[in-house]
Amino acid sequence: VTSEVVDRVYKEYMGDAENPAQVRDGVLGAVGDVFFVTSAVEVARYHRDAGNPVYFYEFQHRPSSVEGVVPEFVKADHGAEIAFVFGKPFLAGDV
């Protein structure tokens, strides 16, 4: 890996980070892209190349149920959209 690549990646994720929260957000963005986004894009391309329609989305809605459970900087964890897709917000009572 060349220093030019390292510089570009650093600028993409860290930008002009001036405090620990900005550094944290940059690191989380980089790690999330490495472990989730790149593999998801690769799988989507395989499906596309096989002639199938592909839909790609990023879910960032913070569920109210995580208040006080996860840190404020977390928008939506992996799999958080499942409850929204299958209707949990519309269920009554303890389920």
PDB file of N, CA and C in Angstrom:
ATOM      1  N   VAL A   1       0.856  -1.178   0.000  1.00  0.00           N
ATOM      2  CA  VAL A   1       0.000   0.000   0.000  1.00  0.00           C
ATOM      3  C   VAL A   1       0.899   1.236   0.000  1.00  0.00           C
ATOM      4  N   THR A   2       0.619   2.121  -0.923  1.00  0.00           N
ATOM      5  CA  THR A   2       1.447   3.319  -1.030  1.00  0.00           C
ATOM      6  C   THR A   2       1.008   4.372  -0.013  1.00  0.00           C
ATOM      7  N   SER A   3       1.890   5.311   0.245  1.00  0.00           N
ATOM      8  CA  SER A   3       1.546   6.381   1.183  1.00  0.00           C
ATOM      9  C   SER A   3       0.415   7.243   0.629  1.00  0.00           C
ATOM     10  N   GLU A   4       0.308   7.328  -0.704  1.00  0.00           N
ATOM     11  CA  GLU A   4      -0.796   8.089  -1.308  1.00  0.00           C
ATOM     12  C   GLU A   4      -2.140   7.453  -0.975  1.00  0.00           C
ATOM     13  N   VAL A   5      -2.207   6.126  -1.028  1.00  0.00           N
ATOM     14  CA  VAL A   5      -3.448   5.424  -0.691  1.00  0.00           C
ATOM     15  C   VAL A   5      -3.780   5.631   0.780  1.00  0.00           C
ATOM     16  N   VAL A   6      -2.786   5.495   1.630  1.00  0.00           N
ATOM     17  CA  VAL A   6      -2.997   5.691   3.062  1.00  0.00           C
ATOM     18  C   VAL A   6      -3.502   7.103   3.335  1.00  0.00           C
ATOM     19  N   ASP A   7      -2.906   8.088   2.692  1.00  0.00           N
ATOM     20  CA  ASP A   7      -3.334   9.484   2.872  1.00  0.00           C
ATOM     21  C   ASP A   7      -4.777   9.687   2.428  1.00  0.00           C
ATOM     22  N   ARG A   8      -5.146   9.096   1.301  1.00  0.00           N
ATOM     23  CA  ARG A   8      -6.519   9.248   0.796  1.00  0.00           C
ATOM     24  C   ARG A   8      -7.533   8.589   1.725  1.00  0.00           C
ATOM     25  N   VAL A   9      -7.196   7.400   2.216  1.00  0.00           N
ATOM     26  CA  VAL A   9      -8.098   6.699   3.137  1.00  0.00           C
ATOM     27  C   VAL A   9      -8.226   7.491   4.435  1.00  0.00           C
ATOM     28  N   TYR A  10      -7.112   7.982   4.941  1.00  0.00           N
ATOM     29  CA  TYR A  10      -7.138   8.769   6.171  1.00  0.00           C
ATOM     30  C   TYR A  10      -8.021  10.001   6.004  1.00  0.00           C
ATOM     31  N   LYS A  11      -7.847  10.723   4.893  1.00  0.00           N
ATOM     32  CA  LYS A  11      -8.660  11.917   4.646  1.00  0.00           C
ATOM     33  C   LYS A  11     -10.137  11.584   4.525  1.00  0.00           C
ATOM     34  N   GLU A  12     -10.440  10.456   3.897  1.00  0.00           N
ATOM     35  CA  GLU A  12     -11.839  10.051   3.719  1.00  0.00           C
ATOM     36  C   GLU A  12     -12.528   9.820   5.066  1.00  0.00           C
ATOM     37  N   TYR A  13     -11.865   9.121   5.962  1.00  0.00           N
ATOM     38  CA  TYR A  13     -12.505   8.743   7.220  1.00  0.00           C
ATOM     39  C   TYR A  13     -12.221   9.694   8.378  1.00  0.00           C
ATOM     40  N   MET A  14     -11.054  10.297   8.408  1.00  0.00           N
ATOM     41  CA  MET A  14     -10.704  11.178   9.516  1.00  0.00           C
ATOM     42  C   MET A  14     -10.899  12.646   9.178  1.00  0.00           C
ATOM     43  N   GLY A  15     -10.750  12.986   7.915  1.00  0.00           N
ATOM     44  CA  GLY A  15     -10.896  14.379   7.515  1.00  0.00           C
ATOM     45  C   GLY A  15     -10.020  15.276   8.364  1.00  0.00           C
ATOM     46  N   ASP A  16     -10.621  16.246   8.978  1.00  0.00           N
ATOM     47  CA  ASP A  16      -9.910  17.165   9.864  1.00  0.00           C
ATOM     48  C   ASP A  16     -10.340  16.943  11.308  1.00  0.00           C
ATOM     49  N   ALA A  17     -10.359  15.696  11.730  1.00  0.00           N
ATOM     50  CA  ALA A  17     -10.799  15.357  13.082  1.00  0.00           C
ATOM     51  C   ALA A  17     -10.027  16.178  14.106  1.00  0.00           C
ATOM     52  N   GLU A  18     -10.788  16.826  14.983  1.00  0.00           N
ATOM     53  CA  GLU A  18     -10.171  17.695  15.982  1.00  0.00           C
ATOM     54  C   GLU A  18     -10.411  17.235  17.412  1.00  0.00           C
ATOM     55  N   ASN A  19     -11.233  16.209  17.581  1.00  0.00           N
ATOM     56  CA  ASN A  19     -11.498  15.741  18.934  1.00  0.00           C
ATOM     57  C   ASN A  19     -11.712  14.228  18.920  1.00  0.00           C
ATOM     58  N   PRO A  20     -11.681  13.597  20.081  1.00  0.00           N
ATOM     59  CA  PRO A  20     -11.820  12.136  20.150  1.00  0.00           C
ATOM     60  C   PRO A  20     -13.120  11.607  19.532  1.00  0.00           C
ATOM     61  N   ALA A  21     -14.215  12.344  19.648  1.00  0.00           N
ATOM     62  CA  ALA A  21     -15.482  11.870  19.074  1.00  0.00           C
ATOM     63  C   ALA A  21     -15.397  11.798  17.553  1.00  0.00           C
ATOM     64  N   GLN A  22     -14.739  12.765  16.931  1.00  0.00           N
ATOM     65  CA  GLN A  22     -14.583  12.742  15.476  1.00  0.00           C
ATOM     66  C   GLN A  22     -13.659  11.607  15.033  1.00  0.00           C
ATOM     67  N   VAL A  23     -12.622  11.352  15.812  1.00  0.00           N
ATOM     68  CA  VAL A  23     -11.731  10.227  15.509  1.00  0.00           C
ATOM     69  C   VAL A  23     -12.504   8.914  15.640  1.00  0.00           C
ATOM     70  N   ARG A  24     -13.283   8.777  16.723  1.00  0.00           N
ATOM     71  CA  ARG A  24     -14.100   7.574  16.922  1.00  0.00           C
ATOM     72  C   ARG A  24     -15.038   7.346  15.741  1.00  0.00           C
ATOM     73  N   ASP A  25     -15.717   8.404  15.310  1.00  0.00           N
ATOM     74  CA  ASP A  25     -16.653   8.279  14.194  1.00  0.00           C
ATOM     75  C   ASP A  25     -15.937   7.870  12.914  1.00  0.00           C
ATOM     76  N   GLY A  26     -14.735   8.403  12.693  1.00  0.00           N
ATOM     77  CA  GLY A  26     -13.956   8.029  11.515  1.00  0.00           C
ATOM     78  C   GLY A  26     -13.532   6.574  11.544  1.00  0.00           C
ATOM     79  N   VAL A  27     -13.072   6.124  12.699  1.00  0.00           N
ATOM     80  CA  VAL A  27     -12.661   4.721  12.841  1.00  0.00           C
ATOM     81  C   VAL A  27     -13.862   3.801  12.671  1.00  0.00           C
ATOM     82  N   LEU A  28     -14.992   4.144  13.274  1.00  0.00           N
ATOM     83  CA  LEU A  28     -16.196   3.317  13.125  1.00  0.00           C
ATOM     84  C   LEU A  28     -16.654   3.263  11.670  1.00  0.00           C
ATOM     85  N   GLY A  29     -16.551   4.379  10.967  1.00  0.00           N
ATOM     86  CA  GLY A  29     -16.909   4.393   9.558  1.00  0.00           C
ATOM     87  C   GLY A  29     -16.008   3.493   8.735  1.00  0.00           C
ATOM     88  N   ALA A  30     -14.719   3.561   8.992  1.00  0.00           N
ATOM     89  CA  ALA A  30     -13.759   2.730   8.258  1.00  0.00           C
ATOM     90  C   ALA A  30     -13.980   1.251   8.549  1.00  0.00           C
ATOM     91  N   VAL A  31     -14.122   0.902   9.818  1.00  0.00           N
ATOM     92  CA  VAL A  31     -14.314  -0.498  10.198  1.00  0.00           C
ATOM     93  C   VAL A  31     -15.641  -1.025   9.638  1.00  0.00           C
ATOM     94  N   GLY A  32     -16.684  -0.216   9.724  1.00  0.00           N
ATOM     95  CA  GLY A  32     -17.976  -0.628   9.171  1.00  0.00           C
ATOM     96  C   GLY A  32     -17.904  -0.869   7.682  1.00  0.00           C
ATOM     97  N   ASP A  33     -17.200  -0.011   6.971  1.00  0.00           N
ATOM     98  CA  ASP A  33     -17.062  -0.199   5.525  1.00  0.00           C
ATOM     99  C   ASP A  33     -16.278  -1.470   5.206  1.00  0.00           C
ATOM    100  N   VAL A  34     -15.201  -1.728   5.963  1.00  0.00           N
ATOM    101  CA  VAL A  34     -14.381  -2.915   5.712  1.00  0.00           C
ATOM    102  C   VAL A  34     -15.164  -4.194   5.995  1.00  0.00           C
ATOM    103  N   PHE A  35     -15.867  -4.248   7.122  1.00  0.00           N
ATOM    104  CA  PHE A  35     -16.508  -5.490   7.524  1.00  0.00           C
ATOM    105  C   PHE A  35     -17.925  -5.688   6.980  1.00  0.00           C
ATOM    106  N   PHE A  36     -18.621  -4.618   6.638  1.00  0.00           N
ATOM    107  CA  PHE A  36     -19.991  -4.769   6.169  1.00  0.00           C
ATOM    108  C   PHE A  36     -20.181  -4.328   4.725  1.00  0.00           C
ATOM    109  N   VAL A  37     -19.797  -3.126   4.418  1.00  0.00           N
ATOM    110  CA  VAL A  37     -20.134  -2.541   3.114  1.00  0.00           C
ATOM    111  C   VAL A  37     -19.411  -3.234   1.967  1.00  0.00           C
ATOM    112  N   THR A  38     -18.105  -3.445   2.080  1.00  0.00           N
ATOM    113  CA  THR A  38     -17.382  -4.018   0.941  1.00  0.00           C
ATOM    114  C   THR A  38     -17.885  -5.416   0.597  1.00  0.00           C
ATOM    115  N   SER A  39     -18.137  -6.248   1.592  1.00  0.00           N
ATOM    116  CA  SER A  39     -18.646  -7.595   1.300  1.00  0.00           C
ATOM    117  C   SER A  39     -20.083  -7.542   0.773  1.00  0.00           C
ATOM    118  N   ALA A  40     -20.895  -6.630   1.280  1.00  0.00           N
ATOM    119  CA  ALA A  40     -22.270  -6.505   0.795  1.00  0.00           C
ATOM    120  C   ALA A  40     -22.297  -6.035  -0.659  1.00  0.00           C
ATOM    121  N   VAL A  41     -21.426  -5.113  -1.004  1.00  0.00           N
ATOM    122  CA  VAL A  41     -21.337  -4.642  -2.392  1.00  0.00           C
ATOM    123  C   VAL A  41     -20.880  -5.783  -3.302  1.00  0.00           C
ATOM    124  N   GLU A  42     -19.928  -6.566  -2.836  1.00  0.00           N
ATOM    125  CA  GLU A  42     -19.445  -7.693  -3.635  1.00  0.00           C
ATOM    126  C   GLU A  42     -20.559  -8.701  -3.900  1.00  0.00           C
ATOM    127  N   VAL A  43     -21.317  -9.052  -2.880  1.00  0.00           N
ATOM    128  CA  VAL A  43     -22.433  -9.985  -3.051  1.00  0.00           C
ATOM    129  C   VAL A  43     -23.496  -9.391  -3.967  1.00  0.00           C
ATOM    130  N   ALA A  44     -23.783  -8.101  -3.812  1.00  0.00           N
ATOM    131  CA  ALA A  44     -24.763  -7.437  -4.676  1.00  0.00           C
ATOM    132  C   ALA A  44     -24.319  -7.495  -6.133  1.00  0.00           C
ATOM    133  N   ARG A  45     -23.049  -7.320  -6.373  1.00  0.00           N
ATOM    134  CA  ARG A  45     -22.534  -7.401  -7.758  1.00  0.00           C
ATOM    135  C   ARG A  45     -22.701  -8.791  -8.335  1.00  0.00           C
ATOM    136  N   TYR A  46     -22.456  -9.820  -7.519  1.00  0.00           N
ATOM    137  CA  TYR A  46     -22.654 -11.194  -8.004  1.00  0.00           C
ATOM    138  C   TYR A  46     -24.115 -11.412  -8.404  1.00  0.00           C
ATOM    139  N   HIS A  47     -25.032 -10.952  -7.578  1.00  0.00           N
ATOM    140  CA  HIS A  47     -26.458 -11.095  -7.899  1.00  0.00           C
ATOM    141  C   HIS A  47     -26.813 -10.309  -9.152  1.00  0.00           C
ATOM    142  N   ARG A  48     -26.294  -9.084  -9.256  1.00  0.00           N
ATOM    143  CA  ARG A  48     -26.536  -8.267 -10.454  1.00  0.00           C
ATOM    144  C   ARG A  48     -25.999  -8.953 -11.703  1.00  0.00           C
ATOM    145  N   ASP A  49     -24.772  -9.455 -11.615  1.00  0.00           N
ATOM    146  CA  ASP A  49     -24.150 -10.108 -12.761  1.00  0.00           C
ATOM    147  C   ASP A  49     -24.892 -11.375 -13.175  1.00  0.00           C
ATOM    148  N   ALA A  50     -25.626 -11.974 -12.233  1.00  0.00           N
ATOM    149  CA  ALA A  50     -26.431 -13.158 -12.551  1.00  0.00           C
ATOM    150  C   ALA A  50     -27.779 -12.771 -13.153  1.00  0.00           C
ATOM    151  N   GLY A  51     -28.023 -11.464 -13.302  1.00  0.00           N
ATOM    152  CA  GLY A  51     -29.252 -10.997 -13.936  1.00  0.00           C
ATOM    153  C   GLY A  51     -30.396 -10.716 -12.982  1.00  0.00           C
ATOM    154  N   ASN A  52     -30.109 -10.661 -11.702  1.00  0.00           N
ATOM    155  CA  ASN A  52     -31.151 -10.408 -10.706  1.00  0.00           C
ATOM    156  C   ASN A  52     -31.208  -8.932 -10.324  1.00  0.00           C
ATOM    157  N   PRO A  53     -32.401  -8.446  -9.981  1.00  0.00           N
ATOM    158  CA  PRO A  53     -32.466  -7.067  -9.497  1.00  0.00           C
ATOM    159  C   PRO A  53     -31.844  -6.986  -8.101  1.00  0.00           C
ATOM    160  N   VAL A  54     -31.156  -5.897  -7.837  1.00  0.00           N
ATOM    161  CA  VAL A  54     -30.484  -5.715  -6.549  1.00  0.00           C
ATOM    162  C   VAL A  54     -30.887  -4.368  -5.974  1.00  0.00           C
ATOM    163  N   TYR A  55     -31.210  -4.361  -4.694  1.00  0.00           N
ATOM    164  CA  TYR A  55     -31.545  -3.131  -3.993  1.00  0.00           C
ATOM    165  C   TYR A  55     -30.606  -3.014  -2.812  1.00  0.00           C
ATOM    166  N   PHE A  56     -30.014  -1.854  -2.649  1.00  0.00           N
ATOM    167  CA  PHE A  56     -29.021  -1.643  -1.604  1.00  0.00           C
ATOM    168  C   PHE A  56     -29.464  -0.446  -0.774  1.00  0.00           C
ATOM    169  N   TYR A  57     -29.423  -0.561   0.519  1.00  0.00           N
ATOM    170  CA  TYR A  57     -29.851   0.540   1.377  1.00  0.00           C
ATOM    171  C   TYR A  57     -28.958   0.631   2.605  1.00  0.00           C
ATOM    172  N   GLU A  58     -29.018   1.788   3.235  1.00  0.00           N
ATOM    173  CA  GLU A  58     -28.325   2.001   4.505  1.00  0.00           C
ATOM    174  C   GLU A  58     -29.362   2.489   5.503  1.00  0.00           C
ATOM    175  N   PHE A  59     -29.587   1.721   6.534  1.00  0.00           N
ATOM    176  CA  PHE A  59     -30.580   2.057   7.548  1.00  0.00           C
ATOM    177  C   PHE A  59     -29.895   2.813   8.672  1.00  0.00           C
ATOM    178  N   GLN A  60     -30.363   4.034   8.959  1.00  0.00           N
ATOM    179  CA  GLN A  60     -29.733   4.840  10.003  1.00  0.00           C
ATOM    180  C   GLN A  60     -30.715   5.347  11.048  1.00  0.00           C
ATOM    181  N   HIS A  61     -31.927   4.834  11.063  1.00  0.00           N
ATOM    182  CA  HIS A  61     -32.907   5.318  12.040  1.00  0.00           C
ATOM    183  C   HIS A  61     -32.586   4.736  13.411  1.00  0.00           C
ATOM    184  N   ARG A  62     -32.446   5.585  14.379  1.00  0.00           N
ATOM    185  CA  ARG A  62     -32.155   5.133  15.743  1.00  0.00           C
ATOM    186  C   ARG A  62     -33.453   4.744  16.432  1.00  0.00           C
ATOM    187  N   PRO A  63     -33.643   3.466  16.742  1.00  0.00           N
ATOM    188  CA  PRO A  63     -34.870   3.039  17.421  1.00  0.00           C
ATOM    189  C   PRO A  63     -34.962   3.646  18.820  1.00  0.00           C
ATOM    190  N   SER A  64     -36.141   4.054  19.208  1.00  0.00           N
ATOM    191  CA  SER A  64     -36.312   4.632  20.545  1.00  0.00           C
ATOM    192  C   SER A  64     -36.049   3.604  21.643  1.00  0.00           C
ATOM    193  N   SER A  65     -36.160   2.331  21.324  1.00  0.00           N
ATOM    194  CA  SER A  65     -35.950   1.282  22.321  1.00  0.00           C
ATOM    195  C   SER A  65     -34.495   1.171  22.779  1.00  0.00           C
ATOM    196  N   VAL A  66     -33.567   1.818  22.092  1.00  0.00           N
ATOM    197  CA  VAL A  66     -32.159   1.724  22.490  1.00  0.00           C
ATOM    198  C   VAL A  66     -31.720   2.866  23.390  1.00  0.00           C
ATOM    199  N   GLU A  67     -32.616   3.805  23.661  1.00  0.00           N
ATOM    200  CA  GLU A  67     -32.273   4.924  24.537  1.00  0.00           C
ATOM    201  C   GLU A  67     -31.781   4.392  25.883  1.00  0.00           C
ATOM    202  N   GLY A  68     -30.644   4.866  26.318  1.00  0.00           N
ATOM    203  CA  GLY A  68     -30.078   4.439  27.590  1.00  0.00           C
ATOM    204  C   GLY A  68     -29.408   3.073  27.544  1.00  0.00           C
ATOM    205  N   VAL A  69     -29.466   2.407  26.391  1.00  0.00           N
ATOM    206  CA  VAL A  69     -28.870   1.078  26.262  1.00  0.00           C
ATOM    207  C   VAL A  69     -27.582   1.135  25.450  1.00  0.00           C
ATOM    208  N   VAL A  70     -27.610   1.889  24.359  1.00  0.00           N
ATOM    209  CA  VAL A  70     -26.414   2.041  23.515  1.00  0.00           C
ATOM    210  C   VAL A  70     -26.020   3.514  23.491  1.00  0.00           C
ATOM    211  N   PRO A  71     -24.751   3.800  23.218  1.00  0.00           N
ATOM    212  CA  PRO A  71     -24.305   5.204  23.209  1.00  0.00           C
ATOM    213  C   PRO A  71     -25.049   6.052  22.181  1.00  0.00           C
ATOM    214  N   GLU A  72     -25.128   7.340  22.430  1.00  0.00           N
ATOM    215  CA  GLU A  72     -25.854   8.279  21.566  1.00  0.00           C
ATOM    216  C   GLU A  72     -25.317   8.321  20.139  1.00  0.00           C
ATOM    217  N   PHE A  73     -24.017   8.070  19.958  1.00  0.00           N
ATOM    218  CA  PHE A  73     -23.452   8.164  18.613  1.00  0.00           C
ATOM    219  C   PHE A  73     -23.866   7.003  17.705  1.00  0.00           C
ATOM    220  N   VAL A  74     -24.432   5.950  18.280  1.00  0.00           N
ATOM    221  CA  VAL A  74     -24.890   4.806  17.483  1.00  0.00           C
ATOM    222  C   VAL A  74     -26.248   5.144  16.884  1.00  0.00           C
ATOM    223  N   LYS A  75     -26.316   5.145  15.556  1.00  0.00           N
ATOM    224  CA  LYS A  75     -27.590   5.422  14.891  1.00  0.00           C
ATOM    225  C   LYS A  75     -28.432   4.159  14.849  1.00  0.00           C
ATOM    226  N   ALA A  76     -27.948   3.148  14.174  1.00  0.00           N
ATOM    227  CA  ALA A  76     -28.654   1.876  14.090  1.00  0.00           C
ATOM    228  C   ALA A  76     -27.616   0.760  14.025  1.00  0.00           C
ATOM    229  N   ASP A  77     -27.781  -0.233  14.845  1.00  0.00           N
ATOM    230  CA  ASP A  77     -26.882  -1.382  14.827  1.00  0.00           C
ATOM    231  C   ASP A  77     -27.232  -2.308  13.677  1.00  0.00           C
ATOM    232  N   HIS A  78     -26.320  -3.218  13.402  1.00  0.00           N
ATOM    233  CA  HIS A  78     -26.547  -4.232  12.373  1.00  0.00           C
ATOM    234  C   HIS A  78     -27.810  -5.022  12.721  1.00  0.00           C
ATOM    235  N   GLY A  79     -28.747  -5.071  11.812  1.00  0.00           N
ATOM    236  CA  GLY A  79     -29.993  -5.812  12.021  1.00  0.00           C
ATOM    237  C   GLY A  79     -31.102  -5.003  12.654  1.00  0.00           C
ATOM    238  N   ALA A  80     -30.859  -3.744  12.983  1.00  0.00           N
ATOM    239  CA  ALA A  80     -31.880  -2.919  13.643  1.00  0.00           C
ATOM    240  C   ALA A  80     -33.110  -2.711  12.762  1.00  0.00           C
ATOM    241  N   GLU A  81     -32.940  -2.807  11.451  1.00  0.00           N
ATOM    242  CA  GLU A  81     -34.061  -2.569  10.542  1.00  0.00           C
ATOM    243  C   GLU A  81     -35.079  -3.707  10.549  1.00  0.00           C
ATOM    244  N   ILE A  82     -34.710  -4.865  11.032  1.00  0.00           N
ATOM    245  CA  ILE A  82     -35.600  -6.032  10.979  1.00  0.00           C
ATOM    246  C   ILE A  82     -36.930  -5.757  11.675  1.00  0.00           C
ATOM    247  N   ALA A  83     -36.881  -5.154  12.850  1.00  0.00           N
ATOM    248  CA  ALA A  83     -38.123  -4.852  13.579  1.00  0.00           C
ATOM    249  C   ALA A  83     -39.005  -3.890  12.789  1.00  0.00           C
ATOM    250  N   PHE A  84     -38.397  -2.987  12.049  1.00  0.00           N
ATOM    251  CA  PHE A  84     -39.164  -2.019  11.258  1.00  0.00           C
ATOM    252  C   PHE A  84     -39.729  -2.671   9.999  1.00  0.00           C
ATOM    253  N   VAL A  85     -38.952  -3.530   9.374  1.00  0.00           N
ATOM    254  CA  VAL A  85     -39.399  -4.198   8.148  1.00  0.00           C
ATOM    255  C   VAL A  85     -40.570  -5.134   8.438  1.00  0.00           C
ATOM    256  N   PHE A  86     -40.508  -5.846   9.552  1.00  0.00           N
ATOM    257  CA  PHE A  86     -41.542  -6.833   9.847  1.00  0.00           C
ATOM    258  C   PHE A  86     -42.617  -6.339  10.803  1.00  0.00           C
ATOM    259  N   GLY A  87     -42.646  -5.040  11.108  1.00  0.00           N
ATOM    260  CA  GLY A  87     -43.782  -4.465  11.788  1.00  0.00           C
ATOM    261  C   GLY A  87     -43.763  -4.352  13.293  1.00  0.00           C
ATOM    262  N   LYS A  88     -42.677  -4.580  13.955  1.00  0.00           N
ATOM    263  CA  LYS A  88     -42.659  -4.484  15.414  1.00  0.00           C
ATOM    264  C   LYS A  88     -43.180  -3.149  15.934  1.00  0.00           C
ATOM    265  N   PRO A  89     -42.915  -2.016  15.282  1.00  0.00           N
ATOM    266  CA  PRO A  89     -43.449  -0.749  15.821  1.00  0.00           C
ATOM    267  C   PRO A  89     -44.977  -0.702  15.873  1.00  0.00           C
ATOM    268  N   PHE A  90     -45.626  -1.602  15.157  1.00  0.00           N
ATOM    269  CA  PHE A  90     -47.095  -1.587  15.113  1.00  0.00           C
ATOM    270  C   PHE A  90     -47.728  -2.634  16.033  1.00  0.00           C
ATOM    271  N   LEU A  91     -46.905  -3.375  16.747  1.00  0.00           N
ATOM    272  CA  LEU A  91     -47.424  -4.387  17.664  1.00  0.00           C
ATOM    273  C   LEU A  91     -47.764  -3.741  19.003  1.00  0.00           C
ATOM    274  N   ALA A  92     -48.757  -4.258  19.668  1.00  0.00           N
ATOM    275  CA  ALA A  92     -49.158  -3.728  20.978  1.00  0.00           C
ATOM    276  C   ALA A  92     -48.693  -4.681  22.079  1.00  0.00           C
ATOM    277  N   GLY A  93     -48.366  -4.119  23.216  1.00  0.00           N
ATOM    278  CA  GLY A  93     -48.002  -4.939  24.377  1.00  0.00           C
ATOM    279  C   GLY A  93     -46.594  -5.488  24.290  1.00  0.00           C
ATOM    280  N   ASP A  94     -46.262  -6.337  25.252  1.00  0.00           N
ATOM    281  CA  ASP A  94     -44.947  -6.969  25.270  1.00  0.00           C
ATOM    282  C   ASP A  94     -44.926  -8.126  24.295  1.00  0.00           C
ATOM    283  N   VAL A  95     -44.004  -8.056  23.374  1.00  0.00           N
ATOM    284  CA  VAL A  95     -43.891  -9.136  22.391  1.00  0.00           C
ATOM    285  C   VAL A  95     -42.467  -9.622  22.374  1.00  0.00           C
TER     286      VAL A  95
END
